[in-house]
C-alpha atoms as a PDB file:
ATOM      1  CA  MET A   1     -11.892   4.074 -22.326  1.00  0.00           C
ATOM      2  CA  LYS A   2      -9.534   1.072 -22.534  1.00  0.00           C
ATOM      3  CA  LYS A   3      -7.209   3.008 -24.834  1.00  0.00           C
ATOM      4  CA  CYS A   4      -7.129   5.978 -22.458  1.00  0.00           C
ATOM      5  CA  ILE A   5      -6.241   3.786 -19.487  1.00  0.00           C
ATOM      6  CA  VAL A   6      -3.417   2.032 -21.356  1.00  0.00           C
ATOM      7  CA  ILE A   7      -2.012   5.431 -22.415  1.00  0.00           C
ATOM      8  CA  PHE A   8      -2.223   6.591 -18.785  1.00  0.00           C
ATOM      9  CA  PHE A   9      -0.102   3.678 -17.575  1.00  0.00           C
ATOM     10  CA  VAL A  10       2.482   4.031 -20.336  1.00  0.00           C
ATOM     11  CA  PHE A  11       2.813   7.773 -19.749  1.00  0.00           C
ATOM     12  CA  CYS A  12       3.209   7.430 -15.990  1.00  0.00           C
ATOM     13  CA  ILE A  13       5.751   4.630 -16.250  1.00  0.00           C
ATOM     14  CA  GLY A  14       7.922   6.761 -18.515  1.00  0.00           C
ATOM     15  CA  SER A  15       7.472  10.081 -16.730  1.00  0.00           C
ATOM     16  CA  TYR A  16       9.692   9.552 -13.685  1.00  0.00           C
ATOM     17  CA  SER A  17      13.078   7.920 -13.607  1.00  0.00           C
ATOM     18  CA  VAL A  18      14.738   9.190 -10.429  1.00  0.00           C
ATOM     19  CA  ALA A  19      13.458   8.560  -6.898  1.00  0.00           C
ATOM     20  CA  GLN A  20      14.345   7.038  -3.575  1.00  0.00           C
ATOM     21  CA  MET A  21      13.398   3.729  -1.991  1.00  0.00           C
ATOM     22  CA  THR A  22      10.961   3.839   0.907  1.00  0.00           C
ATOM     23  CA  PRO A  23       9.783   1.244   3.415  1.00  0.00           C
ATOM     24  CA  ASN A  24       6.067   1.922   2.960  1.00  0.00           C
ATOM     25  CA  ALA A  25       3.390   0.614   0.570  1.00  0.00           C
ATOM     26  CA  THR A  26       4.067  -3.010   1.488  1.00  0.00           C
ATOM     27  CA  ASN A  27       2.112  -5.156  -1.007  1.00  0.00           C
ATOM     28  CA  PHE A  28       0.030  -2.113  -1.951  1.00  0.00           C
ATOM     29  CA  PHE A  29      -1.533  -4.065  -4.838  1.00  0.00           C
ATOM     30  CA  MET A  30      -3.109  -6.488  -2.310  1.00  0.00           C
ATOM     31  CA  ASN A  31      -3.734  -4.158   0.629  1.00  0.00           C
ATOM     32  CA  TRP A  32      -5.844  -1.422  -0.946  1.00  0.00           C
ATOM     33  CA  GLY A  33      -7.481  -0.498   2.367  1.00  0.00           C
ATOM     34  CA  GLY A  34      -4.042   0.084   3.844  1.00  0.00           C
ATOM     35  CA  ILE A  35      -3.262   2.934   1.436  1.00  0.00           C
ATOM     36  CA  ASN A  36      -6.749   4.434   1.055  1.00  0.00           C
ATOM     37  CA  PRO A  37      -9.690   4.301   3.507  1.00  0.00           C
ATOM     38  CA  ALA A  38     -12.103   4.652   0.572  1.00  0.00           C
ATOM     39  CA  HIS A  39     -11.594   0.963  -0.278  1.00  0.00           C
ATOM     40  CA  HIS A  40     -13.378  -0.332   2.803  1.00  0.00           C
ATOM     41  CA  GLY A  41     -16.702  -1.828   1.759  1.00  0.00           C
ATOM     42  CA  LEU A  42     -15.938  -2.011  -1.964  1.00  0.00           C
ATOM     43  CA  GLN A  43     -15.655  -5.777  -1.732  1.00  0.00           C
ATOM     44  CA  GLN A  44     -18.700  -7.984  -1.198  1.00  0.00           C
ATOM     45  CA  HIS A  45     -17.058  -9.710   1.738  1.00  0.00           C
ATOM     46  CA  ALA A  46     -14.934  -9.021   4.765  1.00  0.00           C
ATOM     47  CA  GLU A  47     -11.216  -9.615   4.416  1.00  0.00           C
ATOM     48  CA  LEU A  48      -8.064  -9.550   6.496  1.00  0.00           C
ATOM     49  CA  PHE A  49      -4.635  -8.728   5.098  1.00  0.00           C
ATOM     50  CA  THR A  50      -1.276  -9.023   6.808  1.00  0.00           C
ATOM     51  CA  GLY A  51       2.140  -8.367   5.315  1.00  0.00           C
ATOM     52  CA  PHE A  52       5.802  -8.104   6.217  1.00  0.00           C
ATOM     53  CA  LYS A  53       8.715  -6.561   4.313  1.00  0.00           C
ATOM     54  CA  ALA A  54      12.415  -6.599   5.159  1.00  0.00           C
ATOM     55  CA  GLN A  55      14.489  -4.234   3.015  1.00  0.00           C
ATOM     56  CA  TRP A  56      18.216  -4.110   2.299  1.00  0.00           C
ATOM     57  CA  LEU A  57      19.132  -7.307   4.158  1.00  0.00           C
ATOM     58  CA  GLY A  58      22.542  -7.100   5.781  1.00  0.00           C
ATOM     59  CA  PHE A  59      22.445  -3.310   6.051  1.00  0.00           C
ATOM     60  CA  GLU A  60      22.456  -2.121   9.677  1.00  0.00           C
ATOM     61  CA  GLY A  61      19.305  -0.198  10.553  1.00  0.00           C
ATOM     62  CA  ALA A  62      17.542  -1.322   7.357  1.00  0.00           C
ATOM     63  CA  PRO A  63      13.778  -0.719   7.171  1.00  0.00           C
ATOM     64  CA  LYS A  64      11.345  -3.381   8.320  1.00  0.00           C
ATOM     65  CA  THR A  65       7.618  -2.933   7.785  1.00  0.00           C
ATOM     66  CA  THR A  66       4.719  -4.922   9.219  1.00  0.00           C
ATOM     67  CA  ASN A  67       1.080  -4.113   8.584  1.00  0.00           C
ATOM     68  CA  ALA A  68      -2.393  -5.594   8.962  1.00  0.00           C
ATOM     69  CA  THR A  69      -5.737  -4.377   7.637  1.00  0.00           C
ATOM     70  CA  LEU A  70      -9.270  -5.588   8.378  1.00  0.00           C
ATOM     71  CA  SER A  71     -11.999  -4.421   5.989  1.00  0.00           C
ATOM     72  CA  LEU A  72     -15.741  -4.882   6.605  1.00  0.00           C
ATOM     73  CA  PRO A  73     -18.743  -4.182   4.322  1.00  0.00           C
ATOM     74  CA  PHE A  74     -22.056  -3.292   5.954  1.00  0.00           C
ATOM     75  CA  ASN A  75     -24.952  -3.716   3.536  1.00  0.00           C
ATOM     76  CA  ASN A  76     -26.059  -5.843   0.646  1.00  0.00           C
ATOM     77  CA  ARG A  77     -24.792  -5.331  -2.904  1.00  0.00           C
ATOM     78  CA  LYS A  78     -28.358  -5.769  -4.178  1.00  0.00           C
ATOM     79  CA  SER A  79     -29.326  -2.399  -2.739  1.00  0.00           C
ATOM     80  CA  ASP A  80     -29.105   0.680  -4.976  1.00  0.00           C
ATOM     81  CA  ALA A  81     -28.444   2.818  -1.906  1.00  0.00           C
ATOM     82  CA  ALA A  82     -24.969   3.828  -0.826  1.00  0.00           C
ATOM     83  CA  MET A  83     -23.042   1.055   0.863  1.00  0.00           C
ATOM     84  CA  PHE A  84     -20.854   1.572   3.882  1.00  0.00           C
ATOM     85  CA  GLY A  85     -17.588   0.048   4.964  1.00  0.00           C
ATOM     86  CA  MET A  86     -15.313   0.209   7.959  1.00  0.00           C
ATOM     87  CA  GLY A  87     -11.729  -0.809   8.466  1.00  0.00           C
ATOM     88  CA  LEU A  88      -8.944  -1.152  10.986  1.00  0.00           C
ATOM     89  CA  ASN A  89      -5.317  -0.658  10.006  1.00  0.00           C
ATOM     90  CA  ILE A  90      -2.235  -1.364  12.137  1.00  0.00           C
ATOM     91  CA  SER A  91       1.329  -0.882  10.928  1.00  0.00           C
ATOM     92  CA  ASN A  92       4.845  -0.650  12.297  1.00  0.00           C
ATOM     93  CA  GLU A  93       7.992   0.669  10.614  1.00  0.00           C
ATOM     94  CA  GLN A  94      11.522   0.355  11.956  1.00  0.00           C
ATOM     95  CA  ILE A  95      13.958   2.603  10.105  1.00  0.00           C
ATOM     96  CA  GLY A  96      17.348   2.965  11.753  1.00  0.00           C
ATOM     97  CA  THR A  97      16.895   5.009  14.919  1.00  0.00           C
ATOM     98  CA  PHE A  98      13.240   5.772  14.180  1.00  0.00           C
ATOM     99  CA  SER A  99      10.094   3.725  14.675  1.00  0.00           C
ATOM    100  CA  ASN A 100       6.502   4.461  13.709  1.00  0.00           C
ATOM    101  CA  THR A 101       3.532   2.493  15.029  1.00  0.00           C
ATOM    102  CA  ARG A 102       0.148   3.425  13.593  1.00  0.00           C
ATOM    103  CA  LEU A 103      -3.389   2.480  14.571  1.00  0.00           C
ATOM    104  CA  GLN A 104      -6.272   3.792  12.490  1.00  0.00           C
ATOM    105  CA  ILE A 105     -10.041   3.294  12.245  1.00  0.00           C
ATOM    106  CA  ALA A 106     -11.578   4.203   8.900  1.00  0.00           C
ATOM    107  CA  GLY A 107     -15.006   4.549   7.352  1.00  0.00           C
ATOM    108  CA  ALA A 108     -16.211   4.841   3.768  1.00  0.00           C
ATOM    109  CA  VAL A 109     -19.396   5.422   1.813  1.00  0.00           C
ATOM    110  CA  ASN A 110     -19.684   3.681  -1.568  1.00  0.00           C
ATOM    111  CA  ILE A 111     -22.074   5.229  -4.104  1.00  0.00           C
ATOM    112  CA  GLN A 112     -23.400   3.228  -7.040  1.00  0.00           C
ATOM    113  CA  VAL A 113     -22.695   5.177 -10.230  1.00  0.00           C
ATOM    114  CA  LYS A 114     -23.588   2.712 -12.989  1.00  0.00           C
ATOM    115  CA  ASN A 115     -24.363  -0.993 -12.721  1.00  0.00           C
ATOM    116  CA  GLU A 116     -21.512  -2.295 -10.556  1.00  0.00           C
ATOM    117  CA  ASP A 117     -19.376   0.834 -10.915  1.00  0.00           C
ATOM    118  CA  ARG A 118     -18.879   2.514  -7.556  1.00  0.00           C
ATOM    119  CA  LEU A 119     -17.406   5.757  -6.312  1.00  0.00           C
ATOM    120  CA  SER A 120     -16.165   5.595  -2.738  1.00  0.00           C
ATOM    121  CA  LEU A 121     -15.163   8.331  -0.294  1.00  0.00           C
ATOM    122  CA  GLY A 122     -13.336   7.485   2.916  1.00  0.00           C
ATOM    123  CA  ILE A 123     -11.673   9.010   5.956  1.00  0.00           C
ATOM    124  CA  GLY A 124      -9.449   7.527   8.629  1.00  0.00           C
ATOM    125  CA  ILE A 125      -8.759   8.703  12.170  1.00  0.00           C
ATOM    126  CA  GLY A 126      -6.067   7.337  14.446  1.00  0.00           C
ATOM    127  CA  ALA A 127      -2.755   7.919  16.133  1.00  0.00           C
ATOM    128  CA  VAL A 128       0.905   7.262  15.474  1.00  0.00           C
ATOM    129  CA  GLN A 129       3.575   6.624  18.073  1.00  0.00           C
ATOM    130  CA  VAL A 130       6.846   8.075  16.847  1.00  0.00           C
ATOM    131  CA  GLY A 131       9.968   6.828  18.554  1.00  0.00           C
ATOM    132  CA  TYR A 132      13.595   7.900  18.362  1.00  0.00           C
ATOM    133  CA  ASN A 133      16.522   6.081  19.957  1.00  0.00           C
ATOM    134  CA  ALA A 134      19.843   7.916  19.662  1.00  0.00           C
ATOM    135  CA  ASP A 135      21.671   5.024  21.342  1.00  0.00           C
ATOM    136  CA  LEU A 136      21.649   3.350  17.936  1.00  0.00           C
ATOM    137  CA  ILE A 137      23.838   6.163  16.546  1.00  0.00           C
ATOM    138  CA  SER A 138      27.621   6.014  16.736  1.00  0.00           C
ATOM    139  CA  THR A 139      29.408   9.392  16.703  1.00  0.00           C
ATOM    140  CA  TYR A 140      33.018  10.440  17.020  1.00  0.00           C
ATOM    141  CA  GLU A 141      32.205  12.729  19.924  1.00  0.00           C
ATOM    142  CA  GLN A 142      29.397  12.532  22.457  1.00  0.00           C
ATOM    143  CA  GLU A 143      26.800  15.264  21.980  1.00  0.00           C
ATOM    144  CA  ASN A 144      25.425  16.108  25.423  1.00  0.00           C
ATOM    145  CA  ALA A 145      22.570  18.170  24.016  1.00  0.00           C
ATOM    146  CA  LEU A 146      21.238  15.224  22.027  1.00  0.00           C
ATOM    147  CA  GLN A 147      18.364  13.490  23.774  1.00  0.00           C
ATOM    148  CA  ARG A 148      19.039   9.769  23.903  1.00  0.00           C
ATOM    149  CA  PHE A 149      15.437   8.577  23.612  1.00  0.00           C
ATOM    150  CA  SER A 150      12.086  10.123  22.763  1.00  0.00           C
ATOM    151  CA  SER A 151       8.597   8.810  22.101  1.00  0.00           C
ATOM    152  CA  LYS A 152       5.403  10.697  21.369  1.00  0.00           C
ATOM    153  CA  PHE A 153       1.797   9.961  20.362  1.00  0.00           C
ATOM    154  CA  LEU A 154       0.516  12.127  17.524  1.00  0.00           C
ATOM    155  CA  PRO A 155      -2.904  12.276  15.804  1.00  0.00           C
ATOM    156  CA  GLN A 156      -3.220  10.863  12.321  1.00  0.00           C
ATOM    157  CA  PHE A 157      -5.833  11.627   9.665  1.00  0.00           C
ATOM    158  CA  THR A 158      -6.237  10.080   6.218  1.00  0.00           C
ATOM    159  CA  ALA A 159      -8.660  10.784   3.386  1.00  0.00           C
ATOM    160  CA  GLY A 160      -9.199   9.431  -0.099  1.00  0.00           C
ATOM    161  CA  LEU A 161     -11.505   8.504  -2.924  1.00  0.00           C
ATOM    162  CA  ALA A 162     -11.621   5.481  -5.216  1.00  0.00           C
ATOM    163  CA  TYR A 163     -13.506   4.504  -8.354  1.00  0.00           C
ATOM    164  CA  LYS A 164     -13.996   0.820  -9.164  1.00  0.00           C
ATOM    165  CA  THR A 165     -15.452  -0.862 -12.240  1.00  0.00           C
ATOM    166  CA  LYS A 166     -15.349  -4.428 -13.564  1.00  0.00           C
ATOM    167  CA  ASN A 167     -12.081  -3.826 -15.413  1.00  0.00           C
ATOM    168  CA  TYR A 168     -10.156  -1.119 -13.577  1.00  0.00           C
ATOM    169  CA  ILE A 169      -9.750   0.708 -10.321  1.00  0.00           C
ATOM    170  CA  VAL A 170      -8.228   4.149  -9.668  1.00  0.00           C
ATOM    171  CA  GLY A 171      -7.817   6.221  -6.524  1.00  0.00           C
ATOM    172  CA  LEU A 172      -6.385   9.275  -4.792  1.00  0.00           C
ATOM    173  CA  ALA A 173      -5.271   9.406  -1.162  1.00  0.00           C
ATOM    174  CA  ILE A 174      -3.712  11.795   1.339  1.00  0.00           C
ATOM    175  CA  ASP A 175      -2.004  10.185   4.309  1.00  0.00           C
ATOM    176  CA  ASP A 176      -0.928  11.734   7.610  1.00  0.00           C
ATOM    177  CA  ILE A 177      -2.861  14.993   7.353  1.00  0.00           C
ATOM    178  CA  GLY A 178      -2.684  17.639  10.060  1.00  0.00           C
ATOM    179  CA  PRO A 179      -0.080  19.513  12.094  1.00  0.00           C
ATOM    180  CA  LYS A 180       2.687  17.735  13.965  1.00  0.00           C
ATOM    181  CA  ASN A 181       4.512  19.088  16.978  1.00  0.00           C
ATOM    182  CA  TRP A 182       7.327  16.767  17.942  1.00  0.00           C
ATOM    183  CA  VAL A 183       9.572  19.342  19.559  1.00  0.00           C
ATOM    184  CA  ASP A 184      12.449  16.940  20.204  1.00  0.00           C
ATOM    185  CA  ILE A 185      13.003  16.455  16.476  1.00  0.00           C
ATOM    186  CA  GLY A 186      10.914  18.938  14.510  1.00  0.00           C
ATOM    187  CA  SER A 187       7.516  20.559  14.092  1.00  0.00           C
ATOM    188  CA  SER A 188       6.768  20.490  10.363  1.00  0.00           C
ATOM    189  CA  SER A 189       3.958  18.178   9.225  1.00  0.00           C
ATOM    190  CA  SER A 190       4.986  18.580   5.588  1.00  0.00           C
ATOM    191  CA  PHE A 191       7.813  16.093   6.158  1.00  0.00           C
ATOM    192  CA  SER A 192       5.295  13.264   6.598  1.00  0.00           C
ATOM    193  CA  THR A 193       2.133  14.113   4.612  1.00  0.00           C
ATOM    194  CA  GLN A 194       2.006  11.834   1.578  1.00  0.00           C
ATOM    195  CA  TYR A 195      -0.070  12.345  -1.571  1.00  0.00           C
ATOM    196  CA  SER A 196      -0.635   9.356  -3.840  1.00  0.00           C
ATOM    197  CA  ALA A 197      -2.466   8.347  -7.008  1.00  0.00           C
ATOM    198  CA  TYR A 198      -2.765   4.770  -8.203  1.00  0.00           C
ATOM    199  CA  GLY A 199      -4.599   2.433 -10.511  1.00  0.00           C
ATOM    200  CA  ARG A 200      -4.895  -1.109 -11.834  1.00  0.00           C
ATOM    201  CA  TYR A 201      -6.309  -2.355 -15.129  1.00  0.00           C
ATOM    202  CA  LEU A 202      -7.544  -5.849 -16.012  1.00  0.00           C
ATOM    203  CA  LEU A 203      -6.594  -7.035 -19.501  1.00  0.00           C
ATOM    204  CA  THR A 204      -7.900 -10.453 -20.572  1.00  0.00           C
ATOM    205  CA  LEU A 205      -5.344 -12.221 -22.762  1.00  0.00           C
ATOM    206  CA  HIS A 206      -7.007 -15.623 -23.088  1.00  0.00           C
ATOM    207  CA  GLN A 207      -9.677 -17.699 -21.415  1.00  0.00           C
ATOM    208  CA  ASN A 208      -7.254 -18.645 -18.629  1.00  0.00           C
ATOM    209  CA  TRP A 209      -4.740 -15.798 -18.816  1.00  0.00           C
ATOM    210  CA  SER A 210      -5.062 -12.218 -17.583  1.00  0.00           C
ATOM    211  CA  LEU A 211      -2.586  -9.363 -17.210  1.00  0.00           C
ATOM    212  CA  MET A 212      -2.996  -6.607 -14.624  1.00  0.00           C
ATOM    213  CA  PRO A 213      -0.644  -3.604 -14.587  1.00  0.00           C
ATOM    214  CA  SER A 214      -0.636  -1.631 -11.324  1.00  0.00           C
ATOM    215  CA  LEU A 215       0.879   1.788 -10.801  1.00  0.00           C
ATOM    216  CA  ARG A 216       1.217   3.960  -7.693  1.00  0.00           C
ATOM    217  CA  LEU A 217       2.677   7.470  -7.697  1.00  0.00           C
ATOM    218  CA  SER A 218       3.383   9.192  -4.383  1.00  0.00           C
ATOM    219  CA  LYS A 219       4.906  12.421  -3.192  1.00  0.00           C
ATOM    220  CA  ILE A 220       6.077  13.785   0.160  1.00  0.00           C
ATOM    221  CA  PHE A 221       7.159  17.415   0.359  1.00  0.00           C
ATOM    222  CA  TYR A 222      10.908  17.963   0.006  1.00  0.00           C
ATOM    223  CA  SER A 223      11.380  14.516  -1.545  1.00  0.00           C
ATOM    224  CA  PRO A 224      11.383  13.219  -5.124  1.00  0.00           C
ATOM    225  CA  PHE A 225       8.351  11.663  -6.793  1.00  0.00           C
ATOM    226  CA  LEU A 226       8.140   7.954  -6.059  1.00  0.00           C
ATOM    227  CA  TYR A 227       6.436   5.285  -8.087  1.00  0.00           C
ATOM    228  CA  ASP A 228       5.756   1.582  -7.820  1.00  0.00           C
ATOM    229  CA  VAL A 229       5.020  -0.381 -10.992  1.00  0.00           C
ATOM    230  CA  MET A 230       3.795  -3.951 -10.818  1.00  0.00           C
ATOM    231  CA  LEU A 231       2.654  -6.362 -13.546  1.00  0.00           C
ATOM    232  CA  LYS A 232       0.578  -9.314 -12.410  1.00  0.00           C
ATOM    233  CA  LEU A 233       0.083 -12.295 -14.710  1.00  0.00           C
ATOM    234  CA  ASN A 234      -2.740 -14.591 -13.617  1.00  0.00           C
ATOM    235  CA  TYR A 235      -3.399 -18.146 -14.760  1.00  0.00           C
ATOM    236  CA  ALA A 236      -6.769 -19.802 -14.178  1.00  0.00           C
ATOM    237  CA  ASP A 237      -7.494 -17.596 -11.140  1.00  0.00           C
ATOM    238  CA  VAL A 238      -5.080 -19.764  -9.157  1.00  0.00           C
ATOM    239  CA  VAL A 239      -1.443 -18.846  -9.900  1.00  0.00           C
ATOM    240  CA  ASN A 240       0.013 -15.322 -10.062  1.00  0.00           C
ATOM    241  CA  LEU A 241       3.401 -14.167 -11.354  1.00  0.00           C
ATOM    242  CA  PHE A 242       4.713 -10.669 -10.586  1.00  0.00           C
ATOM    243  CA  ILE A 243       7.377  -8.379 -11.976  1.00  0.00           C
ATOM    244  CA  GLY A 244       7.840  -4.727 -11.073  1.00  0.00           C
ATOM    245  CA  THR A 245      10.114  -1.943  -9.908  1.00  0.00           C
ATOM    246  CA  PRO A 246      10.121   0.635  -7.087  1.00  0.00           C
ATOM    247  CA  SER A 247      11.210   3.891  -8.716  1.00  0.00           C
ATOM    248  CA  MET A 248      13.730   2.084 -10.933  1.00  0.00           C
ATOM    249  CA  LYS A 249      15.874   1.407  -7.861  1.00  0.00           C
ATOM    250  CA  GLY A 250      15.435  -2.325  -8.082  1.00  0.00           C
ATOM    251  CA  ILE A 251      13.646  -5.192  -9.792  1.00  0.00           C
ATOM    252  CA  GLN A 252      10.861  -7.126  -8.072  1.00  0.00           C
ATOM    253  CA  ILE A 253       9.811 -10.633  -9.007  1.00  0.00           C
ATOM    254  CA  GLY A 254       7.257 -12.702  -7.178  1.00  0.00           C
ATOM    255  CA  LEU A 255       4.957 -15.677  -7.026  1.00  0.00           C
ATOM    256  CA  GLY A 256       1.474 -15.900  -5.578  1.00  0.00           C
ATOM    257  CA  GLY A 257      -1.447 -18.246  -5.400  1.00  0.00           C
ATOM    258  CA  ARG A 258      -5.033 -18.671  -4.320  1.00  0.00           C
ATOM    259  CA  ILE A 259      -6.290 -21.536  -2.164  1.00  0.00           C
ATOM    260  CA  LYS A 260     -10.012 -22.390  -2.282  1.00  0.00           C
ATOM    261  CA  LYS A 261     -10.838 -18.758  -3.093  1.00  0.00           C
ATOM    262  CA  VAL A 262     -10.334 -17.868   0.574  1.00  0.00           C
ATOM    263  CA  PHE A 263      -6.556 -17.548   0.998  1.00  0.00           C
ATOM    264  CA  VAL A 264      -4.285 -15.445  -1.221  1.00  0.00           C
ATOM    265  CA  LEU A 265      -0.517 -15.750  -0.714  1.00  0.00           C
ATOM    266  CA  THR A 266       2.229 -13.628  -2.263  1.00  0.00           C
ATOM    267  CA  TYR A 267       6.025 -13.577  -2.019  1.00  0.00           C
ATOM    268  CA  LEU A 268       8.200 -10.870  -3.609  1.00  0.00           C
ATOM    269  CA  PHE A 269      11.962 -10.734  -3.959  1.00  0.00           C
ATOM    270  CA  GLU A 270      13.536  -7.387  -4.748  1.00  0.00           C
ATOM    271  CA  TYR A 271      17.014  -7.009  -6.184  1.00  0.00           C
ATOM    272  CA  GLY A 272      18.129  -3.486  -5.308  1.00  0.00           C
ATOM    273  CA  PHE A 273      20.503  -1.487  -7.462  1.00  0.00           C
ATOM    274  CA  SER A 274      23.441  -0.111  -5.453  1.00  0.00           C
ATOM    275  CA  PRO A 275      26.814   1.369  -6.424  1.00  0.00           C
ATOM    276  CA  LEU A 276      28.221  -0.108  -3.196  1.00  0.00           C
ATOM    277  CA  THR A 277      29.308  -3.635  -4.005  1.00  0.00           C
ATOM    278  CA  GLN A 278      29.732  -4.505  -0.320  1.00  0.00           C
ATOM    279  CA  VAL A 279      26.145  -3.584   0.592  1.00  0.00           C
ATOM    280  CA  ASN A 280      23.274  -6.032   0.110  1.00  0.00           C
ATOM    281  CA  MET A 281      20.263  -4.002  -1.050  1.00  0.00           C
ATOM    282  CA  ASN A 282      17.982  -7.013  -1.592  1.00  0.00           C
ATOM    283  CA  SER A 283      14.563  -7.165   0.041  1.00  0.00           C
ATOM    284  CA  HIS A 284      11.886  -9.752   0.780  1.00  0.00           C
ATOM    285  CA  SER A 285       8.178  -9.333   1.397  1.00  0.00           C
ATOM    286  CA  VAL A 286       5.294 -11.705   2.058  1.00  0.00           C
ATOM    287  CA  GLY A 287       1.564 -11.041   2.067  1.00  0.00           C
ATOM    288  CA  LEU A 288      -1.456 -13.063   3.142  1.00  0.00           C
ATOM    289  CA  LYS A 289      -5.085 -12.159   2.503  1.00  0.00           C
ATOM    290  CA  ILE A 290      -7.952 -14.088   4.110  1.00  0.00           C
ATOM    291  CA  LYS A 291     -11.497 -13.604   2.873  1.00  0.00           C
ATOM    292  CA  LEU A 292     -14.046 -13.760   5.701  1.00  0.00           C
ATOM    293  CA  ASN A 293     -17.828 -14.280   5.733  1.00  0.00           C
ATOM    294  CA  THR A 294     -17.874 -14.685   1.983  1.00  0.00           C
ATOM    295  CA  ARG A 295     -21.092 -16.699   1.543  1.00  0.00           C
ATOM    296  CA  ASN A 296     -19.715 -17.692  -1.861  1.00  0.00           C
ATOM    297  CA  GLN A 297     -20.134 -14.121  -3.161  1.00  0.00           C
ATOM    298  CA  PHE A 298     -17.233 -14.090  -5.616  1.00  0.00           C
ATOM    299  CA  THR A 299     -16.944 -12.685  -9.103  1.00  0.00           C
ATOM    300  CA  LYS A 300     -13.998 -13.472 -11.353  1.00  0.00           C
ATOM    301  CA  ASN A 301     -13.154  -9.860 -12.225  1.00  0.00           C
ATOM    302  CA  ALA A 302     -13.407  -8.663  -8.625  1.00  0.00           C
ATOM    303  CA  MET A 303     -10.953 -11.324  -7.432  1.00  0.00           C
ATOM    304  CA  LEU A 304      -8.469 -10.591 -10.208  1.00  0.00           C
ATOM    305  CA  LEU A 305      -8.616  -6.818  -9.711  1.00  0.00           C
ATOM    306  CA  MET A 306      -8.448  -6.623  -5.935  1.00  0.00           C
ATOM    307  CA  ASP A 307      -6.116  -9.511  -4.967  1.00  0.00           C
END
């Protein structure tokens, strides 16, 4: 099984070499519940994640992403019955003239497959407020037919599944399912529905050293395949070093740490590749995870895999 997982990561890393940068998936390797509702309840404790990412600093209208996710388990791990989880996810994206604010409530059922291995199925229901402000656009000639401002609430549905063991976690998710009818701009939902597959593997190097490769592939219709690759090097369950790339459009390096097993902090700097020497494509992101109502229920592998 270990050999198959390593081959999977190597194959996926080498399969795609052209894609675009996107403002989503902020700290996806910490905020699992934010990309897949099936992750709610997989942990033995409640946790709160919040993150912020500013892309392409110095570029007018550059994306800014803020998100927060609360995840709650509902029954004891000692039970062989299915466990349940619920979550709340809030996010906001500012991309040039467009803004997206999402609020979603999610639920999941976690089924024990073998020992601590669990298969989880989840769905999320919510709404997204889509905004458009044409006043932020400069044109040579005024277009009278162009509406200057528009805002609309639209339903949002998400579904996914995840499989978690002591040494790896994999998942599939579909985000923003269902028809959209924003007449001012368009009416095709296929421009926003995102399909993603992801995984992380825990490789123990030494008593105090562990390496965790993470990979996320995603696809939106009429756009290239996107991927995020991240390698996390952990020392003594306290200090984390990161290196990765978003679709080979930049290099990410980062530093993280754990404080008293309750707080997990991460900072990432991204150097973006750009043929325009006058444009700063660098990005910064920070993430904070707080573990709530833990009752000292921690396992080493679970912390390394999920944080």
